[in-house]
Amino acid sequence: MEIQTQIIRAVGGEKEARDALAAYCLPIVYRYLRKAWRVSTEEAEELTQEIFSDLWPVLSGFRGGSFKAWILTIARRVTWKSYQSHPTKSRATNTDDSEDLLQLTDEAPSPEALLSSKEQVSLLRQVFETLKPDAREILYLRYLEELSLEEISQMLEVSYEVAKSRLKRARKVLKELWQSHFVDCG
């Protein structure tokens, strides 16, 4: 799907183009909310609706670049605004992505390797959950959404250098937490 063409058609009122954009965007936004913001399933659904109600009126304002980063910027702003107006909202802590992570390999692992992988994913998720929200978000955007540093800097509205620095810092903290977990367990 050529995004720019679909956007032009959707802005022009074509329902099929709007449906195609929604089909492309919904999983991205929903996954971002569940993984980076750790919201419950119900809250992710509510926020996704709110995000799309904000997205459609400003769709004609997209000026090129990464559409994915642009959508996630809107998602980030709507979610941030929601948490500022409702600071008592709780966040989900179980966003099980072990199956998603295990599906990244082409070969079928042995039962022993599968158990080891699931254990490592579980441990990594626990360590990941202890990160500060900013670190968790930038690592999520880079490694799970596979956004470039340029796209991340655009989304977070910071310079490329700041995004690079934040990513480096987040990686360092994650590595230290991961290593300390094994020292504590060993």
N, C-alpha and C. Protein backbone atom coordinates (compact mmCIF):
# COMPACT_ATOMS: atom_id res chain seq x y z
N MET A 1 0.86 -1.18 0.00
CA MET A 1 0.00 0.00 0.00
C MET A 1 0.90 1.24 0.00
N GLU A 2 0.71 2.10 -0.95
CA GLU A 2 1.42 3.37 -1.00
C GLU A 2 0.70 4.32 -0.04
N ILE A 3 1.34 4.65 1.06
CA ILE A 3 0.72 5.44 2.12
C ILE A 3 0.27 6.80 1.63
N GLN A 4 1.14 7.50 0.91
CA GLN A 4 0.81 8.86 0.47
C GLN A 4 -0.44 8.85 -0.41
N THR A 5 -0.56 7.87 -1.28
CA THR A 5 -1.73 7.76 -2.16
C THR A 5 -2.98 7.49 -1.32
N GLN A 6 -2.86 6.58 -0.36
CA GLN A 6 -4.00 6.26 0.50
C GLN A 6 -4.43 7.48 1.31
N ILE A 7 -3.47 8.27 1.76
CA ILE A 7 -3.79 9.47 2.54
C ILE A 7 -4.56 10.46 1.66
N ILE A 8 -4.07 10.69 0.46
CA ILE A 8 -4.75 11.62 -0.45
C ILE A 8 -6.17 11.15 -0.73
N ARG A 9 -6.32 9.85 -0.97
CA ARG A 9 -7.65 9.30 -1.24
C ARG A 9 -8.54 9.40 0.00
N ALA A 10 -7.99 9.13 1.18
CA ALA A 10 -8.77 9.20 2.42
C ALA A 10 -9.20 10.63 2.72
N VAL A 11 -8.29 11.58 2.52
CA VAL A 11 -8.62 12.99 2.73
C VAL A 11 -9.73 13.41 1.76
N GLY A 12 -9.71 12.83 0.56
CA GLY A 12 -10.73 13.11 -0.44
C GLY A 12 -12.06 12.45 -0.13
N GLY A 13 -12.12 11.66 0.92
CA GLY A 13 -13.39 11.08 1.34
C GLY A 13 -13.62 9.63 0.94
N GLU A 14 -12.62 8.99 0.34
CA GLU A 14 -12.79 7.59 -0.06
C GLU A 14 -12.76 6.67 1.16
N LYS A 15 -13.88 5.99 1.36
CA LYS A 15 -14.02 5.09 2.51
C LYS A 15 -13.00 3.93 2.45
N GLU A 16 -12.77 3.38 1.25
CA GLU A 16 -11.84 2.25 1.12
C GLU A 16 -10.42 2.65 1.52
N ALA A 17 -10.03 3.85 1.15
CA ALA A 17 -8.68 4.33 1.50
C ALA A 17 -8.59 4.55 3.00
N ARG A 18 -9.65 5.10 3.58
CA ARG A 18 -9.66 5.31 5.03
C ARG A 18 -9.62 3.98 5.78
N ASP A 19 -10.36 3.00 5.27
CA ASP A 19 -10.35 1.66 5.87
C ASP A 19 -8.97 1.02 5.76
N ALA A 20 -8.31 1.21 4.62
CA ALA A 20 -6.97 0.65 4.42
C ALA A 20 -5.97 1.29 5.38
N LEU A 21 -6.07 2.60 5.57
CA LEU A 21 -5.19 3.28 6.52
C LEU A 21 -5.45 2.80 7.94
N ALA A 22 -6.73 2.64 8.27
CA ALA A 22 -7.07 2.15 9.61
C ALA A 22 -6.53 0.75 9.83
N ALA A 23 -6.66 -0.11 8.82
CA ALA A 23 -6.14 -1.48 8.93
C ALA A 23 -4.63 -1.48 9.14
N TYR A 24 -3.95 -0.54 8.51
CA TYR A 24 -2.50 -0.42 8.66
C TYR A 24 -2.14 0.15 10.04
N CYS A 25 -2.87 1.16 10.48
CA CYS A 25 -2.53 1.90 11.69
C CYS A 25 -2.97 1.24 13.00
N LEU A 26 -4.13 0.61 12.98
CA LEU A 26 -4.69 0.08 14.23
C LEU A 26 -3.73 -0.83 14.99
N PRO A 27 -3.14 -1.84 14.34
CA PRO A 27 -2.23 -2.72 15.09
C PRO A 27 -1.00 -1.99 15.63
N ILE A 28 -0.51 -1.02 14.88
CA ILE A 28 0.67 -0.26 15.30
C ILE A 28 0.35 0.53 16.57
N VAL A 29 -0.76 1.24 16.54
CA VAL A 29 -1.17 2.07 17.68
C VAL A 29 -1.49 1.21 18.89
N TYR A 30 -2.27 0.16 18.68
CA TYR A 30 -2.67 -0.72 19.78
C TYR A 30 -1.44 -1.34 20.44
N ARG A 31 -0.52 -1.87 19.63
CA ARG A 31 0.70 -2.50 20.17
C ARG A 31 1.54 -1.48 20.94
N TYR A 32 1.65 -0.27 20.41
CA TYR A 32 2.40 0.80 21.07
C TYR A 32 1.81 1.08 22.44
N LEU A 33 0.49 1.19 22.52
CA LEU A 33 -0.16 1.48 23.79
C LEU A 33 0.06 0.35 24.80
N ARG A 34 -0.08 -0.88 24.34
CA ARG A 34 0.05 -2.03 25.24
C ARG A 34 1.49 -2.21 25.71
N LYS A 35 2.45 -2.05 24.81
CA LYS A 35 3.84 -2.35 25.16
C LYS A 35 4.59 -1.16 25.75
N ALA A 36 4.51 -0.01 25.12
CA ALA A 36 5.29 1.14 25.59
C ALA A 36 4.63 1.83 26.77
N TRP A 37 3.29 1.90 26.77
CA TRP A 37 2.58 2.59 27.85
C TRP A 37 2.02 1.64 28.89
N ARG A 38 2.05 0.34 28.59
CA ARG A 38 1.58 -0.71 29.52
C ARG A 38 0.13 -0.50 29.95
N VAL A 39 -0.75 -0.18 29.02
CA VAL A 39 -2.15 0.01 29.37
C VAL A 39 -2.88 -1.32 29.24
N SER A 40 -4.03 -1.41 29.90
CA SER A 40 -4.84 -2.62 29.82
C SER A 40 -5.44 -2.75 28.43
N THR A 41 -5.96 -3.91 28.12
CA THR A 41 -6.61 -4.14 26.84
C THR A 41 -7.75 -3.16 26.61
N GLU A 42 -8.59 -3.01 27.64
CA GLU A 42 -9.74 -2.11 27.52
C GLU A 42 -9.31 -0.66 27.31
N GLU A 43 -8.31 -0.25 28.07
CA GLU A 43 -7.83 1.12 27.94
C GLU A 43 -7.16 1.35 26.58
N ALA A 44 -6.45 0.34 26.09
CA ALA A 44 -5.83 0.46 24.77
C ALA A 44 -6.91 0.63 23.70
N GLU A 45 -8.00 -0.10 23.83
CA GLU A 45 -9.10 0.04 22.86
C GLU A 45 -9.72 1.43 22.93
N GLU A 46 -9.96 1.93 24.16
CA GLU A 46 -10.53 3.27 24.32
C GLU A 46 -9.59 4.35 23.76
N LEU A 47 -8.32 4.24 24.11
CA LEU A 47 -7.36 5.23 23.64
C LEU A 47 -7.19 5.17 22.12
N THR A 48 -7.23 3.97 21.56
CA THR A 48 -7.11 3.84 20.11
C THR A 48 -8.26 4.56 19.42
N GLN A 49 -9.46 4.42 19.95
CA GLN A 49 -10.60 5.15 19.38
C GLN A 49 -10.39 6.65 19.48
N GLU A 50 -9.92 7.10 20.63
CA GLU A 50 -9.67 8.52 20.83
C GLU A 50 -8.57 9.02 19.88
N ILE A 51 -7.55 8.23 19.70
CA ILE A 51 -6.45 8.59 18.81
C ILE A 51 -6.96 8.73 17.38
N PHE A 52 -7.78 7.78 16.95
CA PHE A 52 -8.29 7.85 15.58
C PHE A 52 -9.28 8.98 15.40
N SER A 53 -10.00 9.35 16.45
CA SER A 53 -10.88 10.51 16.31
C SER A 53 -10.05 11.79 16.17
N ASP A 54 -8.85 11.81 16.75
CA ASP A 54 -7.94 12.95 16.58
C ASP A 54 -7.18 12.88 15.25
N LEU A 55 -6.95 11.65 14.76
CA LEU A 55 -6.15 11.47 13.55
C LEU A 55 -6.87 11.92 12.29
N TRP A 56 -8.11 11.52 12.12
CA TRP A 56 -8.81 11.79 10.86
C TRP A 56 -8.89 13.28 10.51
N PRO A 57 -9.22 14.15 11.45
CA PRO A 57 -9.30 15.58 11.07
C PRO A 57 -7.96 16.20 10.67
N VAL A 58 -6.86 15.65 11.14
CA VAL A 58 -5.55 16.25 10.84
C VAL A 58 -4.77 15.47 9.78
N LEU A 59 -5.41 14.47 9.20
CA LEU A 59 -4.74 13.61 8.22
C LEU A 59 -4.17 14.42 7.06
N SER A 60 -4.87 15.44 6.64
CA SER A 60 -4.39 16.25 5.52
C SER A 60 -3.12 17.03 5.89
N GLY A 61 -2.81 17.10 7.19
CA GLY A 61 -1.61 17.81 7.64
C GLY A 61 -0.34 16.99 7.53
N PHE A 62 -0.46 15.70 7.18
CA PHE A 62 0.74 14.88 7.03
C PHE A 62 1.54 15.38 5.83
N ARG A 63 2.81 15.70 6.05
CA ARG A 63 3.63 16.32 5.01
C ARG A 63 4.78 15.44 4.54
N GLY A 64 4.63 14.17 4.69
CA GLY A 64 5.69 13.27 4.25
C GLY A 64 6.53 12.80 5.43
N GLY A 65 7.55 12.07 5.12
CA GLY A 65 8.37 11.48 6.18
C GLY A 65 7.79 10.13 6.58
N SER A 66 8.05 9.73 7.78
CA SER A 66 7.57 8.44 8.27
C SER A 66 6.14 8.56 8.79
N PHE A 67 5.23 7.90 8.09
CA PHE A 67 3.83 7.92 8.51
C PHE A 67 3.66 7.21 9.85
N LYS A 68 4.40 6.14 10.03
CA LYS A 68 4.35 5.38 11.28
C LYS A 68 4.76 6.26 12.46
N ALA A 69 5.85 7.01 12.31
CA ALA A 69 6.29 7.91 13.38
C ALA A 69 5.27 9.01 13.61
N TRP A 70 4.64 9.50 12.55
CA TRP A 70 3.63 10.55 12.66
C TRP A 70 2.42 10.05 13.45
N ILE A 71 1.97 8.84 13.13
CA ILE A 71 0.83 8.24 13.84
C ILE A 71 1.18 8.03 15.31
N LEU A 72 2.37 7.50 15.56
CA LEU A 72 2.77 7.25 16.94
C LEU A 72 2.97 8.55 17.72
N THR A 73 3.31 9.63 17.04
CA THR A 73 3.39 10.93 17.70
C THR A 73 2.01 11.35 18.18
N ILE A 74 1.01 11.18 17.34
CA ILE A 74 -0.37 11.50 17.73
C ILE A 74 -0.80 10.60 18.88
N ALA A 75 -0.48 9.32 18.78
CA ALA A 75 -0.83 8.38 19.85
C ALA A 75 -0.17 8.78 21.17
N ARG A 76 1.08 9.18 21.08
CA ARG A 76 1.81 9.59 22.29
C ARG A 76 1.17 10.82 22.92
N ARG A 77 0.81 11.81 22.10
CA ARG A 77 0.20 13.04 22.62
C ARG A 77 -1.16 12.78 23.25
N VAL A 78 -1.99 11.99 22.57
CA VAL A 78 -3.32 11.69 23.11
C VAL A 78 -3.21 10.91 24.42
N THR A 79 -2.30 9.95 24.45
CA THR A 79 -2.13 9.14 25.66
C THR A 79 -1.58 10.00 26.80
N TRP A 80 -0.61 10.83 26.51
CA TRP A 80 -0.04 11.72 27.51
C TRP A 80 -1.11 12.65 28.07
N LYS A 81 -1.91 13.21 27.18
CA LYS A 81 -3.00 14.11 27.59
C LYS A 81 -4.01 13.36 28.47
N SER A 82 -4.29 12.13 28.11
CA SER A 82 -5.23 11.31 28.88
C SER A 82 -4.70 11.06 30.29
N TYR A 83 -3.41 10.75 30.39
CA TYR A 83 -2.83 10.50 31.72
C TYR A 83 -2.69 11.78 32.54
N GLN A 84 -2.51 12.90 31.88
CA GLN A 84 -2.44 14.16 32.63
C GLN A 84 -3.81 14.53 33.19
N SER A 85 -4.87 14.25 32.42
CA SER A 85 -6.21 14.59 32.89
C SER A 85 -6.78 13.53 33.82
N HIS A 86 -6.22 12.32 33.81
CA HIS A 86 -6.65 11.23 34.70
C HIS A 86 -5.42 10.56 35.31
N PRO A 87 -4.73 11.24 36.23
CA PRO A 87 -3.47 10.70 36.74
C PRO A 87 -3.62 9.42 37.56
N THR A 88 -4.82 9.08 37.97
CA THR A 88 -5.01 7.89 38.79
C THR A 88 -5.18 6.63 37.97
N LYS A 89 -5.19 6.74 36.63
CA LYS A 89 -5.33 5.55 35.80
C LYS A 89 -4.18 4.60 36.08
N SER A 90 -4.52 3.33 36.20
CA SER A 90 -3.48 2.34 36.44
C SER A 90 -3.03 1.77 35.11
N ARG A 91 -1.83 1.27 35.10
CA ARG A 91 -1.29 0.66 33.89
C ARG A 91 -1.19 -0.83 34.08
N ALA A 92 -1.44 -1.55 33.02
CA ALA A 92 -1.32 -3.00 33.05
C ALA A 92 0.15 -3.37 33.17
N THR A 93 0.43 -4.47 33.83
CA THR A 93 1.81 -4.90 33.93
C THR A 93 2.07 -6.15 33.12
N ASN A 94 1.02 -6.84 32.70
CA ASN A 94 1.22 -8.06 31.94
C ASN A 94 0.86 -7.81 30.49
N THR A 95 1.86 -7.53 29.70
CA THR A 95 1.67 -7.38 28.26
C THR A 95 2.49 -8.48 27.62
N ASP A 96 1.98 -9.70 27.67
CA ASP A 96 2.72 -10.88 27.24
C ASP A 96 3.06 -10.81 25.76
N ASP A 97 4.34 -10.70 25.46
CA ASP A 97 4.79 -10.66 24.08
C ASP A 97 5.75 -11.80 23.78
N SER A 98 5.79 -12.81 24.66
CA SER A 98 6.76 -13.89 24.47
C SER A 98 6.50 -14.64 23.18
N GLU A 99 5.25 -14.87 22.82
CA GLU A 99 4.96 -15.56 21.57
C GLU A 99 5.41 -14.73 20.38
N ASP A 100 5.17 -13.42 20.42
CA ASP A 100 5.60 -12.54 19.33
C ASP A 100 7.11 -12.60 19.18
N LEU A 101 7.84 -12.55 20.28
CA LEU A 101 9.29 -12.56 20.21
C LEU A 101 9.83 -13.89 19.72
N LEU A 102 9.17 -14.99 20.11
CA LEU A 102 9.63 -16.29 19.68
C LEU A 102 9.35 -16.54 18.20
N GLN A 103 8.36 -15.88 17.64
CA GLN A 103 8.02 -16.07 16.24
C GLN A 103 9.01 -15.38 15.31
N LEU A 104 9.95 -14.65 15.84
CA LEU A 104 10.92 -13.95 15.01
C LEU A 104 11.93 -14.90 14.38
N THR A 105 12.04 -16.11 14.90
CA THR A 105 12.98 -17.07 14.33
C THR A 105 12.28 -17.94 13.30
N ASP A 106 13.03 -18.34 12.27
CA ASP A 106 12.46 -19.16 11.21
C ASP A 106 12.45 -20.64 11.56
N GLU A 107 13.42 -21.07 12.34
CA GLU A 107 13.54 -22.48 12.66
C GLU A 107 12.69 -22.83 13.87
N ALA A 108 12.14 -24.04 13.88
CA ALA A 108 11.38 -24.50 15.04
C ALA A 108 12.37 -24.96 16.10
N PRO A 109 12.38 -24.31 17.26
CA PRO A 109 13.35 -24.69 18.29
C PRO A 109 12.95 -25.99 18.98
N SER A 110 13.93 -26.63 19.60
CA SER A 110 13.65 -27.83 20.37
C SER A 110 12.88 -27.44 21.62
N PRO A 111 12.20 -28.38 22.27
CA PRO A 111 11.46 -28.05 23.50
C PRO A 111 12.35 -27.41 24.57
N GLU A 112 13.60 -27.89 24.69
CA GLU A 112 14.51 -27.32 25.68
C GLU A 112 14.86 -25.88 25.32
N ALA A 113 15.14 -25.65 24.05
CA ALA A 113 15.49 -24.30 23.60
C ALA A 113 14.29 -23.38 23.73
N LEU A 114 13.08 -23.91 23.45
CA LEU A 114 11.86 -23.11 23.58
C LEU A 114 11.65 -22.69 25.03
N LEU A 115 11.85 -23.62 25.96
CA LEU A 115 11.71 -23.30 27.38
C LEU A 115 12.74 -22.25 27.78
N SER A 116 13.98 -22.42 27.34
CA SER A 116 15.02 -21.45 27.66
C SER A 116 14.68 -20.08 27.07
N SER A 117 14.20 -20.05 25.83
CA SER A 117 13.83 -18.79 25.20
C SER A 117 12.70 -18.12 25.95
N LYS A 118 11.69 -18.90 26.32
CA LYS A 118 10.56 -18.33 27.06
C LYS A 118 11.01 -17.78 28.41
N GLU A 119 11.91 -18.49 29.06
CA GLU A 119 12.43 -18.03 30.34
C GLU A 119 13.20 -16.73 30.17
N GLN A 120 14.02 -16.66 29.12
CA GLN A 120 14.79 -15.44 28.87
C GLN A 120 13.88 -14.28 28.52
N VAL A 121 12.86 -14.54 27.71
CA VAL A 121 11.91 -13.48 27.36
C VAL A 121 11.19 -13.00 28.61
N SER A 122 10.81 -13.93 29.46
CA SER A 122 10.13 -13.57 30.70
C SER A 122 11.04 -12.72 31.59
N LEU A 123 12.29 -13.13 31.71
CA LEU A 123 13.25 -12.35 32.51
C LEU A 123 13.50 -10.98 31.89
N LEU A 124 13.63 -10.95 30.57
CA LEU A 124 13.85 -9.67 29.90
C LEU A 124 12.64 -8.75 30.09
N ARG A 125 11.44 -9.30 30.02
CA ARG A 125 10.24 -8.51 30.24
C ARG A 125 10.23 -7.93 31.66
N GLN A 126 10.62 -8.74 32.64
CA GLN A 126 10.67 -8.26 34.02
C GLN A 126 11.66 -7.12 34.16
N VAL A 127 12.82 -7.28 33.56
CA VAL A 127 13.84 -6.23 33.62
C VAL A 127 13.35 -4.99 32.87
N PHE A 128 12.74 -5.20 31.71
CA PHE A 128 12.22 -4.10 30.90
C PHE A 128 11.17 -3.30 31.68
N GLU A 129 10.33 -3.99 32.42
CA GLU A 129 9.27 -3.33 33.20
C GLU A 129 9.83 -2.42 34.29
N THR A 130 11.06 -2.68 34.73
CA THR A 130 11.65 -1.86 35.79
C THR A 130 12.25 -0.57 35.26
N LEU A 131 12.38 -0.47 33.94
CA LEU A 131 12.94 0.76 33.35
C LEU A 131 11.99 1.93 33.55
N LYS A 132 12.56 3.12 33.55
CA LYS A 132 11.73 4.33 33.59
C LYS A 132 10.96 4.41 32.28
N PRO A 133 9.78 5.05 32.28
CA PRO A 133 8.95 5.11 31.07
C PRO A 133 9.66 5.65 29.84
N ASP A 134 10.50 6.67 29.98
CA ASP A 134 11.19 7.23 28.83
C ASP A 134 12.15 6.21 28.20
N ALA A 135 12.86 5.48 29.03
CA ALA A 135 13.79 4.47 28.54
C ALA A 135 13.03 3.33 27.88
N ARG A 136 11.96 2.91 28.53
CA ARG A 136 11.13 1.84 27.99
C ARG A 136 10.57 2.23 26.61
N GLU A 137 10.10 3.48 26.51
CA GLU A 137 9.50 3.94 25.26
C GLU A 137 10.52 3.98 24.12
N ILE A 138 11.69 4.53 24.37
CA ILE A 138 12.67 4.66 23.27
C ILE A 138 13.19 3.29 22.84
N LEU A 139 13.37 2.37 23.77
CA LEU A 139 13.78 1.02 23.40
C LEU A 139 12.68 0.31 22.62
N TYR A 140 11.45 0.51 23.04
CA TYR A 140 10.32 -0.08 22.32
C TYR A 140 10.27 0.44 20.88
N LEU A 141 10.36 1.74 20.73
CA LEU A 141 10.27 2.34 19.39
C LEU A 141 11.40 1.86 18.48
N ARG A 142 12.60 1.76 19.03
CA ARG A 142 13.75 1.38 18.21
C ARG A 142 13.75 -0.10 17.86
N TYR A 143 13.51 -0.96 18.85
CA TYR A 143 13.71 -2.38 18.63
C TYR A 143 12.44 -3.17 18.33
N LEU A 144 11.31 -2.75 18.83
CA LEU A 144 10.09 -3.49 18.53
C LEU A 144 9.32 -2.87 17.37
N GLU A 145 9.28 -1.56 17.30
CA GLU A 145 8.64 -0.90 16.16
C GLU A 145 9.62 -0.66 15.02
N GLU A 146 10.90 -0.84 15.29
CA GLU A 146 11.97 -0.72 14.31
C GLU A 146 12.00 0.65 13.63
N LEU A 147 11.75 1.69 14.41
CA LEU A 147 11.86 3.04 13.89
C LEU A 147 13.33 3.45 13.87
N SER A 148 13.69 4.25 12.90
CA SER A 148 15.05 4.77 12.83
C SER A 148 15.21 5.86 13.89
N LEU A 149 16.45 6.22 14.18
CA LEU A 149 16.68 7.31 15.13
C LEU A 149 16.09 8.62 14.61
N GLU A 150 16.13 8.80 13.31
CA GLU A 150 15.53 10.00 12.72
C GLU A 150 14.02 10.04 12.97
N GLU A 151 13.36 8.90 12.78
CA GLU A 151 11.91 8.81 13.02
C GLU A 151 11.59 9.01 14.50
N ILE A 152 12.42 8.44 15.36
CA ILE A 152 12.21 8.58 16.81
C ILE A 152 12.38 10.04 17.22
N SER A 153 13.40 10.69 16.68
CA SER A 153 13.62 12.09 17.04
C SER A 153 12.45 12.95 16.57
N GLN A 154 11.91 12.64 15.40
CA GLN A 154 10.73 13.35 14.89
C GLN A 154 9.54 13.11 15.82
N MET A 155 9.34 11.88 16.20
CA MET A 155 8.20 11.53 17.04
C MET A 155 8.29 12.15 18.42
N LEU A 156 9.47 12.11 19.02
CA LEU A 156 9.65 12.64 20.37
C LEU A 156 9.89 14.15 20.37
N GLU A 157 10.01 14.71 19.17
CA GLU A 157 10.23 16.15 19.00
C GLU A 157 11.50 16.62 19.70
N VAL A 158 12.56 15.84 19.44
CA VAL A 158 13.90 16.18 19.95
C VAL A 158 14.86 16.07 18.78
N SER A 159 16.07 16.56 18.96
CA SER A 159 17.06 16.46 17.89
C SER A 159 17.51 15.00 17.75
N TYR A 160 18.12 14.72 16.61
CA TYR A 160 18.67 13.39 16.35
C TYR A 160 19.68 13.01 17.43
N GLU A 161 20.53 13.95 17.80
CA GLU A 161 21.58 13.70 18.79
C GLU A 161 20.97 13.37 20.16
N VAL A 162 19.90 14.06 20.52
CA VAL A 162 19.24 13.80 21.80
C VAL A 162 18.62 12.40 21.78
N ALA A 163 17.96 12.04 20.68
CA ALA A 163 17.37 10.71 20.57
C ALA A 163 18.45 9.63 20.66
N LYS A 164 19.56 9.86 19.99
CA LYS A 164 20.68 8.90 20.00
C LYS A 164 21.23 8.76 21.42
N SER A 165 21.37 9.87 22.12
CA SER A 165 21.87 9.86 23.48
C SER A 165 20.91 9.12 24.42
N ARG A 166 19.62 9.39 24.27
CA ARG A 166 18.62 8.72 25.12
C ARG A 166 18.62 7.22 24.87
N LEU A 167 18.74 6.82 23.61
CA LEU A 167 18.77 5.40 23.28
C LEU A 167 20.01 4.74 23.88
N LYS A 168 21.14 5.40 23.76
CA LYS A 168 22.38 4.86 24.33
C LYS A 168 22.27 4.71 25.84
N ARG A 169 21.71 5.72 26.49
CA ARG A 169 21.52 5.68 27.94
C ARG A 169 20.55 4.56 28.34
N ALA A 170 19.46 4.42 27.59
CA ALA A 170 18.47 3.38 27.89
C ALA A 170 19.07 1.99 27.72
N ARG A 171 19.88 1.80 26.65
CA ARG A 171 20.55 0.52 26.44
C ARG A 171 21.49 0.20 27.59
N LYS A 172 22.21 1.22 28.04
CA LYS A 172 23.18 1.03 29.13
C LYS A 172 22.44 0.62 30.41
N VAL A 173 21.34 1.30 30.72
CA VAL A 173 20.58 0.97 31.92
C VAL A 173 20.00 -0.44 31.81
N LEU A 174 19.46 -0.79 30.63
CA LEU A 174 18.91 -2.13 30.43
C LEU A 174 19.99 -3.18 30.62
N LYS A 175 21.16 -2.94 30.06
CA LYS A 175 22.27 -3.89 30.18
C LYS A 175 22.69 -4.05 31.65
N GLU A 176 22.78 -2.92 32.37
CA GLU A 176 23.16 -2.99 33.78
C GLU A 176 22.12 -3.74 34.60
N LEU A 177 20.85 -3.48 34.35
CA LEU A 177 19.79 -4.19 35.06
C LEU A 177 19.81 -5.68 34.74
N TRP A 178 20.02 -6.00 33.47
CA TRP A 178 20.09 -7.40 33.04
C TRP A 178 21.25 -8.11 33.71
N GLN A 179 22.42 -7.47 33.70
CA GLN A 179 23.59 -8.08 34.33
C GLN A 179 23.42 -8.21 35.84
N SER A 180 22.84 -7.20 36.48
CA SER A 180 22.66 -7.27 37.92
C SER A 180 21.65 -8.35 38.29
N HIS A 181 20.69 -8.60 37.40
CA HIS A 181 19.72 -9.68 37.65
C HIS A 181 20.43 -11.02 37.72
N PHE A 182 21.38 -11.24 36.82
CA PHE A 182 22.08 -12.51 36.82
C PHE A 182 23.08 -12.61 37.97
N VAL A 183 23.64 -11.50 38.40
CA VAL A 183 24.52 -11.51 39.56
C VAL A 183 23.70 -11.83 40.81
N ASP A 184 22.51 -11.20 40.91
CA ASP A 184 21.63 -11.45 42.05
C ASP A 184 21.14 -12.89 42.09
N CYS A 185 20.89 -13.49 40.88
CA CYS A 185 20.37 -14.83 40.82
C CYS A 185 21.46 -15.88 40.92
N GLY A 186 22.68 -15.49 40.63
CA GLY A 186 23.77 -16.47 40.57
C GLY A 186 24.56 -16.47 41.77
